[in-house]
Amino acid sequence: MTDVKHQQTDADAAAIARIAVDAAEDRKGSNIVLIDVRGRSPITDYFVIATGESDRQLRALSKAIEDRLREDVGAKPFHREGEAETGWILLDYVDVIIHLFSPEQRAYYQLETLYEDAPVVLRIQ
């Protein structure tokens, strides 16, 4: 079986997560959180969670993150789910999973509470 973790890029997962955070911040995403879930999640090492205030902003956040990761480290998402109109977009970079939520969807899913014991590496209000 091929190791999917090493098919995406040689870039370090923490670096990918940080680039995603920076791109989200540049596009005025709000309540950005980087959570270290290593040892707590069998599927990834880091979660990046951010809020976009409108469909348009969710699309802009998604595009900015994908563009920046492709340009800076050659990373492409392994999988992408959701649409801005649903209030949730997921970008799966294997070692880093990025969740972009509308305020309503973020409040509904409360993803951070599932990993409340995991270290928060960074929080940007």
PDB file of N, CA and C in Angstrom:
ATOM      1  N   MET A   1       0.841  -1.173   0.000  1.00  0.00           N
ATOM      2  CA  MET A   1       0.000   0.000   0.000  1.00  0.00           C
ATOM      3  C   MET A   1       0.893   1.245   0.000  1.00  0.00           C
ATOM      4  N   THR A   2       0.570   2.220  -0.808  1.00  0.00           N
ATOM      5  CA  THR A   2       1.342   3.442  -0.905  1.00  0.00           C
ATOM      6  C   THR A   2       1.058   4.336   0.294  1.00  0.00           C
ATOM      7  N   ASP A   3       2.079   4.975   0.808  1.00  0.00           N
ATOM      8  CA  ASP A   3       1.925   5.889   1.932  1.00  0.00           C
ATOM      9  C   ASP A   3       1.450   7.240   1.416  1.00  0.00           C
ATOM     10  N   VAL A   4       0.164   7.513   1.584  1.00  0.00           N
ATOM     11  CA  VAL A   4      -0.447   8.752   1.096  1.00  0.00           C
ATOM     12  C   VAL A   4       0.206   9.967   1.726  1.00  0.00           C
ATOM     13  N   LYS A   5       0.641   9.858   2.964  1.00  0.00           N
ATOM     14  CA  LYS A   5       1.236  10.996   3.656  1.00  0.00           C
ATOM     15  C   LYS A   5       2.400  11.599   2.877  1.00  0.00           C
ATOM     16  N   HIS A   6       3.125  10.790   2.143  1.00  0.00           N
ATOM     17  CA  HIS A   6       4.310  11.306   1.482  1.00  0.00           C
ATOM     18  C   HIS A   6       4.116  11.528  -0.017  1.00  0.00           C
ATOM     19  N   GLN A   7       2.887  11.399  -0.471  1.00  0.00           N
ATOM     20  CA  GLN A   7       2.621  11.662  -1.878  1.00  0.00           C
ATOM     21  C   GLN A   7       2.398  13.141  -2.142  1.00  0.00           C
ATOM     22  N   GLN A   8       1.938  13.882  -1.157  1.00  0.00           N
ATOM     23  CA  GLN A   8       1.548  15.261  -1.373  1.00  0.00           C
ATOM     24  C   GLN A   8       2.739  16.197  -1.546  1.00  0.00           C
ATOM     25  N   THR A   9       3.633  16.191  -0.594  1.00  0.00           N
ATOM     26  CA  THR A   9       4.745  17.127  -0.615  1.00  0.00           C
ATOM     27  C   THR A   9       5.765  16.706   0.423  1.00  0.00           C
ATOM     28  N   ASP A  10       6.971  17.185   0.280  1.00  0.00           N
ATOM     29  CA  ASP A  10       7.988  16.924   1.287  1.00  0.00           C
ATOM     30  C   ASP A  10       7.935  17.946   2.418  1.00  0.00           C
ATOM     31  N   ALA A  11       7.095  18.963   2.274  1.00  0.00           N
ATOM     32  CA  ALA A  11       7.007  20.010   3.293  1.00  0.00           C
ATOM     33  C   ALA A  11       6.520  19.426   4.617  1.00  0.00           C
ATOM     34  N   ASP A  12       7.020  19.968   5.679  1.00  0.00           N
ATOM     35  CA  ASP A  12       6.649  19.577   7.025  1.00  0.00           C
ATOM     36  C   ASP A  12       5.185  19.945   7.283  1.00  0.00           C
ATOM     37  N   ALA A  13       4.455  19.085   7.984  1.00  0.00           N
ATOM     38  CA  ALA A  13       3.036  19.321   8.266  1.00  0.00           C
ATOM     39  C   ALA A  13       2.826  20.627   9.024  1.00  0.00           C
ATOM     40  N   ALA A  14       3.689  20.919   9.982  1.00  0.00           N
ATOM     41  CA  ALA A  14       3.549  22.165  10.743  1.00  0.00           C
ATOM     42  C   ALA A  14       3.712  23.371   9.833  1.00  0.00           C
ATOM     43  N   ALA A  15       4.618  23.280   8.857  1.00  0.00           N
ATOM     44  CA  ALA A  15       4.810  24.386   7.914  1.00  0.00           C
ATOM     45  C   ALA A  15       3.582  24.558   7.026  1.00  0.00           C
ATOM     46  N   ILE A  16       3.007  23.455   6.574  1.00  0.00           N
ATOM     47  CA  ILE A  16       1.792  23.520   5.763  1.00  0.00           C
ATOM     48  C   ILE A  16       0.662  24.163   6.560  1.00  0.00           C
ATOM     49  N   ALA A  17       0.522  23.742   7.812  1.00  0.00           N
ATOM     50  CA  ALA A  17      -0.527  24.307   8.663  1.00  0.00           C
ATOM     51  C   ALA A  17      -0.324  25.804   8.854  1.00  0.00           C
ATOM     52  N   ARG A  18       0.904  26.200   9.080  1.00  0.00           N
ATOM     53  CA  ARG A  18       1.187  27.630   9.308  1.00  0.00           C
ATOM     54  C   ARG A  18       0.926  28.460   8.054  1.00  0.00           C
ATOM     55  N   ILE A  19       1.280  27.935   6.897  1.00  0.00           N
ATOM     56  CA  ILE A  19       1.009  28.641   5.641  1.00  0.00           C
ATOM     57  C   ILE A  19      -0.494  28.801   5.459  1.00  0.00           C
ATOM     58  N   ALA A  20      -1.251  27.752   5.764  1.00  0.00           N
ATOM     59  CA  ALA A  20      -2.715  27.826   5.662  1.00  0.00           C
ATOM     60  C   ALA A  20      -3.279  28.891   6.593  1.00  0.00           C
ATOM     61  N   VAL A  21      -2.757  28.948   7.812  1.00  0.00           N
ATOM     62  CA  VAL A  21      -3.189  29.973   8.774  1.00  0.00           C
ATOM     63  C   VAL A  21      -2.891  31.366   8.231  1.00  0.00           C
ATOM     64  N   ASP A  22      -1.682  31.558   7.730  1.00  0.00           N
ATOM     65  CA  ASP A  22      -1.301  32.869   7.192  1.00  0.00           C
ATOM     66  C   ASP A  22      -2.190  33.283   6.023  1.00  0.00           C
ATOM     67  N   ALA A  23      -2.486  32.340   5.130  1.00  0.00           N
ATOM     68  CA  ALA A  23      -3.349  32.643   3.986  1.00  0.00           C
ATOM     69  C   ALA A  23      -4.758  33.003   4.450  1.00  0.00           C
ATOM     70  N   ALA A  24      -5.271  32.274   5.434  1.00  0.00           N
ATOM     71  CA  ALA A  24      -6.608  32.581   5.972  1.00  0.00           C
ATOM     72  C   ALA A  24      -6.621  33.951   6.637  1.00  0.00           C
ATOM     73  N   GLU A  25      -5.566  34.261   7.351  1.00  0.00           N
ATOM     74  CA  GLU A  25      -5.489  35.570   8.008  1.00  0.00           C
ATOM     75  C   GLU A  25      -5.401  36.691   6.969  1.00  0.00           C
ATOM     76  N   ASP A  26      -4.631  36.470   5.904  1.00  0.00           N
ATOM     77  CA  ASP A  26      -4.511  37.473   4.842  1.00  0.00           C
ATOM     78  C   ASP A  26      -5.856  37.772   4.185  1.00  0.00           C
ATOM     79  N   ARG A  27      -6.722  36.764   4.115  1.00  0.00           N
ATOM     80  CA  ARG A  27      -8.055  36.929   3.503  1.00  0.00           C
ATOM     81  C   ARG A  27      -9.122  37.293   4.539  1.00  0.00           C
ATOM     82  N   LYS A  28      -8.646  37.720   5.696  1.00  0.00           N
ATOM     83  CA  LYS A  28      -9.536  38.203   6.769  1.00  0.00           C
ATOM     84  C   LYS A  28     -10.458  37.142   7.344  1.00  0.00           C
ATOM     85  N   GLY A  29     -10.001  35.883   7.344  1.00  0.00           N
ATOM     86  CA  GLY A  29     -10.743  34.857   8.056  1.00  0.00           C
ATOM     87  C   GLY A  29     -10.748  35.209   9.534  1.00  0.00           C
ATOM     88  N   SER A  30     -11.758  34.770  10.239  1.00  0.00           N
ATOM     89  CA  SER A  30     -11.836  35.103  11.665  1.00  0.00           C
ATOM     90  C   SER A  30     -11.768  33.849  12.517  1.00  0.00           C
ATOM     91  N   ASN A  31     -11.445  34.051  13.782  1.00  0.00           N
ATOM     92  CA  ASN A  31     -11.368  32.967  14.760  1.00  0.00           C
ATOM     93  C   ASN A  31     -10.593  31.775  14.193  1.00  0.00           C
ATOM     94  N   ILE A  32      -9.375  32.038  13.761  1.00  0.00           N
ATOM     95  CA  ILE A  32      -8.512  31.015  13.162  1.00  0.00           C
ATOM     96  C   ILE A  32      -7.810  30.247  14.278  1.00  0.00           C
ATOM     97  N   VAL A  33      -7.890  28.932  14.220  1.00  0.00           N
ATOM     98  CA  VAL A  33      -7.289  28.088  15.239  1.00  0.00           C
ATOM     99  C   VAL A  33      -6.461  26.995  14.562  1.00  0.00           C
ATOM    100  N   LEU A  34      -5.258  26.789  15.075  1.00  0.00           N
ATOM    101  CA  LEU A  34      -4.398  25.692  14.644  1.00  0.00           C
ATOM    102  C   LEU A  34      -4.269  24.756  15.832  1.00  0.00           C
ATOM    103  N   ILE A  35      -4.731  23.507  15.663  1.00  0.00           N
ATOM    104  CA  ILE A  35      -4.752  22.529  16.742  1.00  0.00           C
ATOM    105  C   ILE A  35      -3.845  21.354  16.381  1.00  0.00           C
ATOM    106  N   ASP A  36      -3.004  20.979  17.311  1.00  0.00           N
ATOM    107  CA  ASP A  36      -2.103  19.836  17.153  1.00  0.00           C
ATOM    108  C   ASP A  36      -2.851  18.590  17.638  1.00  0.00           C
ATOM    109  N   VAL A  37      -3.269  17.737  16.717  1.00  0.00           N
ATOM    110  CA  VAL A  37      -4.025  16.534  17.073  1.00  0.00           C
ATOM    111  C   VAL A  37      -3.187  15.258  16.925  1.00  0.00           C
ATOM    112  N   ARG A  38      -1.868  15.418  16.827  1.00  0.00           N
ATOM    113  CA  ARG A  38      -0.997  14.239  16.749  1.00  0.00           C
ATOM    114  C   ARG A  38      -1.217  13.397  18.002  1.00  0.00           C
ATOM    115  N   GLY A  39      -1.387  12.107  17.801  1.00  0.00           N
ATOM    116  CA  GLY A  39      -1.610  11.206  18.915  1.00  0.00           C
ATOM    117  C   GLY A  39      -3.051  11.194  19.413  1.00  0.00           C
ATOM    118  N   ARG A  40      -3.889  12.080  18.894  1.00  0.00           N
ATOM    119  CA  ARG A  40      -5.292  12.142  19.290  1.00  0.00           C
ATOM    120  C   ARG A  40      -6.233  11.816  18.130  1.00  0.00           C
ATOM    121  N   SER A  41      -5.721  11.941  16.923  1.00  0.00           N
ATOM    122  CA  SER A  41      -6.512  11.663  15.733  1.00  0.00           C
ATOM    123  C   SER A  41      -5.761  10.659  14.866  1.00  0.00           C
ATOM    124  N   PRO A  42      -6.442   9.619  14.427  1.00  0.00           N
ATOM    125  CA  PRO A  42      -5.770   8.639  13.572  1.00  0.00           C
ATOM    126  C   PRO A  42      -5.658   9.098  12.118  1.00  0.00           C
ATOM    127  N   ILE A  43      -6.252  10.235  11.784  1.00  0.00           N
ATOM    128  CA  ILE A  43      -6.307  10.625  10.373  1.00  0.00           C
ATOM    129  C   ILE A  43      -5.422  11.791   9.987  1.00  0.00           C
ATOM    130  N   THR A  44      -4.952  12.577  10.936  1.00  0.00           N
ATOM    131  CA  THR A  44      -4.166  13.758  10.586  1.00  0.00           C
ATOM    132  C   THR A  44      -3.322  14.210  11.766  1.00  0.00           C
ATOM    133  N   ASP A  45      -2.460  15.174  11.528  1.00  0.00           N
ATOM    134  CA  ASP A  45      -1.609  15.734  12.582  1.00  0.00           C
ATOM    135  C   ASP A  45      -2.107  17.082  13.084  1.00  0.00           C
ATOM    136  N   TYR A  46      -2.669  17.883  12.175  1.00  0.00           N
ATOM    137  CA  TYR A  46      -3.110  19.232  12.534  1.00  0.00           C
ATOM    138  C   TYR A  46      -4.474  19.534  11.919  1.00  0.00           C
ATOM    139  N   PHE A  47      -5.257  20.299  12.663  1.00  0.00           N
ATOM    140  CA  PHE A  47      -6.475  20.905  12.146  1.00  0.00           C
ATOM    141  C   PHE A  47      -6.254  22.405  12.099  1.00  0.00           C
ATOM    142  N   VAL A  48      -6.653  23.003  10.997  1.00  0.00           N
ATOM    143  CA  VAL A  48      -6.766  24.452  10.903  1.00  0.00           C
ATOM    144  C   VAL A  48      -8.254  24.718  10.738  1.00  0.00           C
ATOM    145  N   ILE A  49      -8.792  25.568  11.595  1.00  0.00           N
ATOM    146  CA  ILE A  49     -10.216  25.896  11.556  1.00  0.00           C
ATOM    147  C   ILE A  49     -10.333  27.411  11.453  1.00  0.00           C
ATOM    148  N   ALA A  50     -11.172  27.872  10.525  1.00  0.00           N
ATOM    149  CA  ALA A  50     -11.370  29.310  10.357  1.00  0.00           C
ATOM    150  C   ALA A  50     -12.815  29.586   9.967  1.00  0.00           C
ATOM    151  N   THR A  51     -13.231  30.800  10.223  1.00  0.00           N
ATOM    152  CA  THR A  51     -14.591  31.227   9.896  1.00  0.00           C
ATOM    153  C   THR A  51     -14.550  32.266   8.794  1.00  0.00           C
ATOM    154  N   GLY A  52     -15.464  32.109   7.831  1.00  0.00           N
ATOM    155  CA  GLY A  52     -15.697  33.113   6.798  1.00  0.00           C
ATOM    156  C   GLY A  52     -17.103  33.656   6.985  1.00  0.00           C
ATOM    157  N   GLU A  53     -17.257  34.944   6.893  1.00  0.00           N
ATOM    158  CA  GLU A  53     -18.534  35.588   7.221  1.00  0.00           C
ATOM    159  C   GLU A  53     -19.582  35.501   6.111  1.00  0.00           C
ATOM    160  N   SER A  54     -19.193  35.047   4.924  1.00  0.00           N
ATOM    161  CA  SER A  54     -20.139  34.957   3.803  1.00  0.00           C
ATOM    162  C   SER A  54     -19.677  33.849   2.854  1.00  0.00           C
ATOM    163  N   ASP A  55     -20.565  33.454   1.940  1.00  0.00           N
ATOM    164  CA  ASP A  55     -20.189  32.473   0.915  1.00  0.00           C
ATOM    165  C   ASP A  55     -18.973  32.972   0.132  1.00  0.00           C
ATOM    166  N   ARG A  56     -19.016  34.236  -0.221  1.00  0.00           N
ATOM    167  CA  ARG A  56     -17.929  34.817  -1.003  1.00  0.00           C
ATOM    168  C   ARG A  56     -16.602  34.743  -0.248  1.00  0.00           C
ATOM    169  N   GLN A  57     -16.638  35.041   1.047  1.00  0.00           N
ATOM    170  CA  GLN A  57     -15.404  34.979   1.816  1.00  0.00           C
ATOM    171  C   GLN A  57     -14.925  33.540   1.987  1.00  0.00           C
ATOM    172  N   LEU A  58     -15.834  32.593   2.169  1.00  0.00           N
ATOM    173  CA  LEU A  58     -15.430  31.183   2.258  1.00  0.00           C
ATOM    174  C   LEU A  58     -14.725  30.739   0.983  1.00  0.00           C
ATOM    175  N   ARG A  59     -15.271  31.135  -0.170  1.00  0.00           N
ATOM    176  CA  ARG A  59     -14.610  30.798  -1.446  1.00  0.00           C
ATOM    177  C   ARG A  59     -13.229  31.441  -1.525  1.00  0.00           C
ATOM    178  N   ALA A  60     -13.130  32.706  -1.107  1.00  0.00           N
ATOM    179  CA  ALA A  60     -11.845  33.419  -1.151  1.00  0.00           C
ATOM    180  C   ALA A  60     -10.829  32.774  -0.213  1.00  0.00           C
ATOM    181  N   LEU A  61     -11.270  32.371   0.975  1.00  0.00           N
ATOM    182  CA  LEU A  61     -10.372  31.692   1.916  1.00  0.00           C
ATOM    183  C   LEU A  61      -9.848  30.389   1.320  1.00  0.00           C
ATOM    184  N   SER A  62     -10.749  29.595   0.773  1.00  0.00           N
ATOM    185  CA  SER A  62     -10.370  28.320   0.178  1.00  0.00           C
ATOM    186  C   SER A  62      -9.365  28.506  -0.955  1.00  0.00           C
ATOM    187  N   LYS A  63      -9.664  29.429  -1.838  1.00  0.00           N
ATOM    188  CA  LYS A  63      -8.791  29.683  -2.985  1.00  0.00           C
ATOM    189  C   LYS A  63      -7.422  30.188  -2.525  1.00  0.00           C
ATOM    190  N   ALA A  64      -7.416  31.110  -1.578  1.00  0.00           N
ATOM    191  CA  ALA A  64      -6.153  31.669  -1.092  1.00  0.00           C
ATOM    192  C   ALA A  64      -5.279  30.589  -0.458  1.00  0.00           C
ATOM    193  N   ILE A  65      -5.888  29.722   0.335  1.00  0.00           N
ATOM    194  CA  ILE A  65      -5.129  28.653   0.985  1.00  0.00           C
ATOM    195  C   ILE A  65      -4.577  27.681  -0.056  1.00  0.00           C
ATOM    196  N   GLU A  66      -5.431  27.248  -0.982  1.00  0.00           N
ATOM    197  CA  GLU A  66      -4.966  26.315  -2.020  1.00  0.00           C
ATOM    198  C   GLU A  66      -3.862  26.937  -2.864  1.00  0.00           C
ATOM    199  N   ASP A  67      -4.040  28.185  -3.281  1.00  0.00           N
ATOM    200  CA  ASP A  67      -3.038  28.858  -4.106  1.00  0.00           C
ATOM    201  C   ASP A  67      -1.709  28.993  -3.365  1.00  0.00           C
ATOM    202  N   ARG A  68      -1.769  29.431  -2.110  1.00  0.00           N
ATOM    203  CA  ARG A  68      -0.548  29.660  -1.338  1.00  0.00           C
ATOM    204  C   ARG A  68       0.202  28.361  -1.101  1.00  0.00           C
ATOM    205  N   LEU A  69      -0.512  27.301  -0.766  1.00  0.00           N
ATOM    206  CA  LEU A  69       0.167  26.021  -0.519  1.00  0.00           C
ATOM    207  C   LEU A  69       0.776  25.452  -1.797  1.00  0.00           C
ATOM    208  N   ARG A  70       0.083  25.623  -2.911  1.00  0.00           N
ATOM    209  CA  ARG A  70       0.625  25.149  -4.181  1.00  0.00           C
ATOM    210  C   ARG A  70       1.878  25.955  -4.548  1.00  0.00           C
ATOM    211  N   GLU A  71       1.811  27.280  -4.394  1.00  0.00           N
ATOM    212  CA  GLU A  71       2.936  28.143  -4.762  1.00  0.00           C
ATOM    213  C   GLU A  71       4.127  27.980  -3.823  1.00  0.00           C
ATOM    214  N   ASP A  72       3.862  27.944  -2.525  1.00  0.00           N
ATOM    215  CA  ASP A  72       4.957  27.943  -1.541  1.00  0.00           C
ATOM    216  C   ASP A  72       5.630  26.589  -1.363  1.00  0.00           C
ATOM    217  N   VAL A  73       4.849  25.499  -1.365  1.00  0.00           N
ATOM    218  CA  VAL A  73       5.448  24.184  -1.090  1.00  0.00           C
ATOM    219  C   VAL A  73       5.023  23.098  -2.075  1.00  0.00           C
ATOM    220  N   GLY A  74       4.300  23.471  -3.116  1.00  0.00           N
ATOM    221  CA  GLY A  74       3.899  22.492  -4.120  1.00  0.00           C
ATOM    222  C   GLY A  74       2.841  21.516  -3.652  1.00  0.00           C
ATOM    223  N   ALA A  75       2.125  21.865  -2.592  1.00  0.00           N
ATOM    224  CA  ALA A  75       1.109  20.959  -2.043  1.00  0.00           C
ATOM    225  C   ALA A  75      -0.244  21.186  -2.703  1.00  0.00           C
ATOM    226  N   LYS A  76      -0.898  20.082  -3.004  1.00  0.00           N
ATOM    227  CA  LYS A  76      -2.262  20.107  -3.535  1.00  0.00           C
ATOM    228  C   LYS A  76      -3.134  19.292  -2.591  1.00  0.00           C
ATOM    229  N   PRO A  77      -4.399  19.687  -2.446  1.00  0.00           N
ATOM    230  CA  PRO A  77      -5.255  18.898  -1.537  1.00  0.00           C
ATOM    231  C   PRO A  77      -5.446  17.478  -2.053  1.00  0.00           C
ATOM    232  N   PHE A  78      -5.357  16.530  -1.151  1.00  0.00           N
ATOM    233  CA  PHE A  78      -5.629  15.138  -1.456  1.00  0.00           C
ATOM    234  C   PHE A  78      -7.120  14.956  -1.715  1.00  0.00           C
ATOM    235  N   HIS A  79      -7.915  15.733  -0.989  1.00  0.00           N
ATOM    236  CA  HIS A  79      -9.375  15.643  -1.091  1.00  0.00           C
ATOM    237  C   HIS A  79      -9.967  16.996  -0.724  1.00  0.00           C
ATOM    238  N   ARG A  80     -11.091  17.306  -1.334  1.00  0.00           N
ATOM    239  CA  ARG A  80     -11.805  18.552  -1.058  1.00  0.00           C
ATOM    240  C   ARG A  80     -13.272  18.207  -0.923  1.00  0.00           C
ATOM    241  N   GLU A  81     -13.934  18.782   0.085  1.00  0.00           N
ATOM    242  CA  GLU A  81     -15.361  18.542   0.295  1.00  0.00           C
ATOM    243  C   GLU A  81     -16.063  19.837   0.605  1.00  0.00           C
ATOM    244  N   GLY A  82     -17.374  19.838   0.380  1.00  0.00           N
ATOM    245  CA  GLY A  82     -18.201  20.973   0.749  1.00  0.00           C
ATOM    246  C   GLY A  82     -18.128  22.112  -0.241  1.00  0.00           C
ATOM    247  N   GLU A  83     -19.034  23.031  -0.067  1.00  0.00           N
ATOM    248  CA  GLU A  83     -19.115  24.226  -0.904  1.00  0.00           C
ATOM    249  C   GLU A  83     -19.414  25.416  -0.016  1.00  0.00           C
ATOM    250  N   ALA A  84     -19.043  26.585  -0.472  1.00  0.00           N
ATOM    251  CA  ALA A  84     -19.278  27.797   0.304  1.00  0.00           C
ATOM    252  C   ALA A  84     -20.758  27.952   0.657  1.00  0.00           C
ATOM    253  N   GLU A  85     -21.629  27.596  -0.268  1.00  0.00           N
ATOM    254  CA  GLU A  85     -23.067  27.754  -0.050  1.00  0.00           C
ATOM    255  C   GLU A  85     -23.603  26.878   1.089  1.00  0.00           C
ATOM    256  N   THR A  86     -22.887  25.808   1.423  1.00  0.00           N
ATOM    257  CA  THR A  86     -23.316  24.950   2.528  1.00  0.00           C
ATOM    258  C   THR A  86     -22.770  25.440   3.870  1.00  0.00           C
ATOM    259  N   GLY A  87     -21.851  26.397   3.814  1.00  0.00           N
ATOM    260  CA  GLY A  87     -21.263  26.928   5.042  1.00  0.00           C
ATOM    261  C   GLY A  87     -20.086  26.132   5.556  1.00  0.00           C
ATOM    262  N   TRP A  88     -19.564  25.224   4.753  1.00  0.00           N
ATOM    263  CA  TRP A  88     -18.432  24.406   5.195  1.00  0.00           C
ATOM    264  C   TRP A  88     -17.629  23.934   3.991  1.00  0.00           C
ATOM    265  N   ILE A  89     -16.326  24.123   4.068  1.00  0.00           N
ATOM    266  CA  ILE A  89     -15.391  23.610   3.072  1.00  0.00           C
ATOM    267  C   ILE A  89     -14.272  22.898   3.817  1.00  0.00           C
ATOM    268  N   LEU A  90     -13.934  21.704   3.371  1.00  0.00           N
ATOM    269  CA  LEU A  90     -12.836  20.946   3.938  1.00  0.00           C
ATOM    270  C   LEU A  90     -11.757  20.777   2.887  1.00  0.00           C
ATOM    271  N   LEU A  91     -10.530  21.102   3.246  1.00  0.00           N
ATOM    272  CA  LEU A  91      -9.363  20.875   2.391  1.00  0.00           C
ATOM    273  C   LEU A  91      -8.467  19.884   3.116  1.00  0.00           C
ATOM    274  N   ASP A  92      -8.290  18.715   2.523  1.00  0.00           N
ATOM    275  CA  ASP A  92      -7.530  17.637   3.155  1.00  0.00           C
ATOM    276  C   ASP A  92      -6.143  17.557   2.527  1.00  0.00           C
ATOM    277  N   TYR A  93      -5.147  17.932   3.308  1.00  0.00           N
ATOM    278  CA  TYR A  93      -3.753  17.823   2.893  1.00  0.00           C
ATOM    279  C   TYR A  93      -3.068  16.661   3.613  1.00  0.00           C
ATOM    280  N   VAL A  94      -3.844  15.675   3.997  1.00  0.00           N
ATOM    281  CA  VAL A  94      -3.433  14.452   4.673  1.00  0.00           C
ATOM    282  C   VAL A  94      -2.929  14.745   6.086  1.00  0.00           C
ATOM    283  N   ASP A  95      -1.756  15.337   6.229  1.00  0.00           N
ATOM    284  CA  ASP A  95      -1.221  15.644   7.551  1.00  0.00           C
ATOM    285  C   ASP A  95      -1.867  16.882   8.167  1.00  0.00           C
ATOM    286  N   VAL A  96      -2.560  17.654   7.340  1.00  0.00           N
ATOM    287  CA  VAL A  96      -3.241  18.869   7.779  1.00  0.00           C
ATOM    288  C   VAL A  96      -4.624  18.881   7.147  1.00  0.00           C
ATOM    289  N   ILE A  97      -5.645  19.028   7.980  1.00  0.00           N
ATOM    290  CA  ILE A  97      -7.005  19.153   7.469  1.00  0.00           C
ATOM    291  C   ILE A  97      -7.511  20.545   7.833  1.00  0.00           C
ATOM    292  N   ILE A  98      -7.997  21.245   6.824  1.00  0.00           N
ATOM    293  CA  ILE A  98      -8.443  22.620   6.988  1.00  0.00           C
ATOM    294  C   ILE A  98      -9.956  22.654   6.881  1.00  0.00           C
ATOM    295  N   HIS A  99     -10.590  23.216   7.902  1.00  0.00           N
ATOM    296  CA  HIS A  99     -12.044  23.370   7.935  1.00  0.00           C
ATOM    297  C   HIS A  99     -12.366  24.857   7.859  1.00  0.00           C
ATOM    298  N   LEU A 100     -13.141  25.235   6.870  1.00  0.00           N
ATOM    299  CA  LEU A 100     -13.604  26.611   6.734  1.00  0.00           C
ATOM    300  C   LEU A 100     -15.111  26.608   6.932  1.00  0.00           C
ATOM    301  N   PHE A 101     -15.576  27.364   7.910  1.00  0.00           N
ATOM    302  CA  PHE A 101     -16.979  27.344   8.298  1.00  0.00           C
ATOM    303  C   PHE A 101     -17.617  28.726   8.205  1.00  0.00           C
ATOM    304  N   SER A 102     -18.924  28.739   7.954  1.00  0.00           N
ATOM    305  CA  SER A 102     -19.720  29.936   8.217  1.00  0.00           C
ATOM    306  C   SER A 102     -19.878  30.018   9.735  1.00  0.00           C
ATOM    307  N   PRO A 103     -20.221  31.182  10.280  1.00  0.00           N
ATOM    308  CA  PRO A 103     -20.413  31.264  11.737  1.00  0.00           C
ATOM    309  C   PRO A 103     -21.469  30.276  12.240  1.00  0.00           C
ATOM    310  N   GLU A 104     -22.543  30.091  11.501  1.00  0.00           N
ATOM    311  CA  GLU A 104     -23.622  29.192  11.923  1.00  0.00           C
ATOM    312  C   GLU A 104     -23.159  27.732  11.946  1.00  0.00           C
ATOM    313  N   GLN A 105     -22.466  27.309  10.908  1.00  0.00           N
ATOM    314  CA  GLN A 105     -21.991  25.921  10.845  1.00  0.00           C
ATOM    315  C   GLN A 105     -20.913  25.659  11.893  1.00  0.00           C
ATOM    316  N   ARG A 106     -20.074  26.633  12.130  1.00  0.00           N
ATOM    317  CA  ARG A 106     -19.028  26.440  13.150  1.00  0.00           C
ATOM    318  C   ARG A 106     -19.661  26.289  14.531  1.00  0.00           C
ATOM    319  N   ALA A 107     -20.664  27.097  14.814  1.00  0.00           N
ATOM    320  CA  ALA A 107     -21.357  26.992  16.104  1.00  0.00           C
ATOM    321  C   ALA A 107     -22.092  25.660  16.213  1.00  0.00           C
ATOM    322  N   TYR A 108     -22.646  25.183  15.118  1.00  0.00           N
ATOM    323  CA  TYR A 108     -23.391  23.933  15.122  1.00  0.00           C
ATOM    324  C   TYR A 108     -22.469  22.721  15.352  1.00  0.00           C
ATOM    325  N   TYR A 109     -21.372  22.656  14.612  1.00  0.00           N
ATOM    326  CA  TYR A 109     -20.490  21.485  14.679  1.00  0.00           C
ATOM    327  C   TYR A 109     -19.528  21.511  15.868  1.00  0.00           C
ATOM    328  N   GLN A 110     -19.171  22.678  16.344  1.00  0.00           N
ATOM    329  CA  GLN A 110     -18.285  22.815  17.506  1.00  0.00           C
ATOM    330  C   GLN A 110     -17.101  21.851  17.447  1.00  0.00           C
ATOM    331  N   LEU A 111     -16.433  21.831  16.324  1.00  0.00           N
ATOM    332  CA  LEU A 111     -15.333  20.894  16.081  1.00  0.00           C
ATOM    333  C   LEU A 111     -14.232  20.982  17.138  1.00  0.00           C
ATOM    334  N   GLU A 112     -13.955  22.179  17.614  1.00  0.00           N
ATOM    335  CA  GLU A 112     -12.887  22.325  18.610  1.00  0.00           C
ATOM    336  C   GLU A 112     -13.173  21.540  19.885  1.00  0.00           C
ATOM    337  N   THR A 113     -14.440  21.359  20.224  1.00  0.00           N
ATOM    338  CA  THR A 113     -14.763  20.648  21.466  1.00  0.00           C
ATOM    339  C   THR A 113     -14.428  19.160  21.375  1.00  0.00           C
ATOM    340  N   LEU A 114     -14.369  18.608  20.160  1.00  0.00           N
ATOM    341  CA  LEU A 114     -13.984  17.203  20.008  1.00  0.00           C
ATOM    342  C   LEU A 114     -12.526  16.970  20.389  1.00  0.00           C
ATOM    343  N   TYR A 115     -11.724  18.010  20.264  1.00  0.00           N
ATOM    344  CA  TYR A 115     -10.296  17.910  20.563  1.00  0.00           C
ATOM    345  C   TYR A 115      -9.895  18.951  21.602  1.00  0.00           C
ATOM    346  N   GLU A 116     -10.762  19.180  22.577  1.00  0.00           N
ATOM    347  CA  GLU A 116     -10.480  20.215  23.567  1.00  0.00           C
ATOM    348  C   GLU A 116      -9.265  19.903  24.431  1.00  0.00           C
ATOM    349  N   ASP A 117      -8.844  18.641  24.458  1.00  0.00           N
ATOM    350  CA  ASP A 117      -7.639  18.289  25.213  1.00  0.00           C
ATOM    351  C   ASP A 117      -6.366  18.417  24.371  1.00  0.00           C
ATOM    352  N   ALA A 118      -6.520  18.706  23.084  1.00  0.00           N
ATOM    353  CA  ALA A 118      -5.366  18.847  22.195  1.00  0.00           C
ATOM    354  C   ALA A 118      -4.771  20.260  22.319  1.00  0.00           C
ATOM    355  N   PRO A 119      -3.455  20.370  22.190  1.00  0.00           N
ATOM    356  CA  PRO A 119      -2.824  21.688  22.300  1.00  0.00           C
ATOM    357  C   PRO A 119      -3.236  22.618  21.147  1.00  0.00           C
ATOM    358  N   VAL A 120      -3.620  23.819  21.513  1.00  0.00           N
ATOM    359  CA  VAL A 120      -3.872  24.875  20.526  1.00  0.00           C
ATOM    360  C   VAL A 120      -2.521  25.532  20.253  1.00  0.00           C
ATOM    361  N   VAL A 121      -2.040  25.381  19.037  1.00  0.00           N
ATOM    362  CA  VAL A 121      -0.740  25.923  18.653  1.00  0.00           C
ATOM    363  C   VAL A 121      -0.843  27.430  18.433  1.00  0.00           C
ATOM    364  N   LEU A 122      -1.973  27.849  17.879  1.00  0.00           N
ATOM    365  CA  LEU A 122      -2.148  29.251  17.506  1.00  0.00           C
ATOM    366  C   LEU A 122      -3.629  29.572  17.457  1.00  0.00           C
ATOM    367  N   ARG A 123      -3.994  30.748  17.941  1.00  0.00           N
ATOM    368  CA  ARG A 123      -5.376  31.229  17.840  1.00  0.00           C
ATOM    369  C   ARG A 123      -5.325  32.692  17.441  1.00  0.00           C
ATOM    370  N   ILE A 124      -6.037  33.023  16.366  1.00  0.00           N
ATOM    371  CA  ILE A 124      -6.110  34.405  15.901  1.00  0.00           C
ATOM    372  C   ILE A 124      -7.578  34.802  15.882  1.00  0.00           C
ATOM    373  N   GLN A 125      -7.930  35.754  16.670  1.00  0.00           N
ATOM    374  CA  GLN A 125      -9.323  36.191  16.746  1.00  0.00           C
ATOM    375  C   GLN A 125      -9.613  37.084  15.569  1.00  0.00           C
TER     376      GLN A 125
END
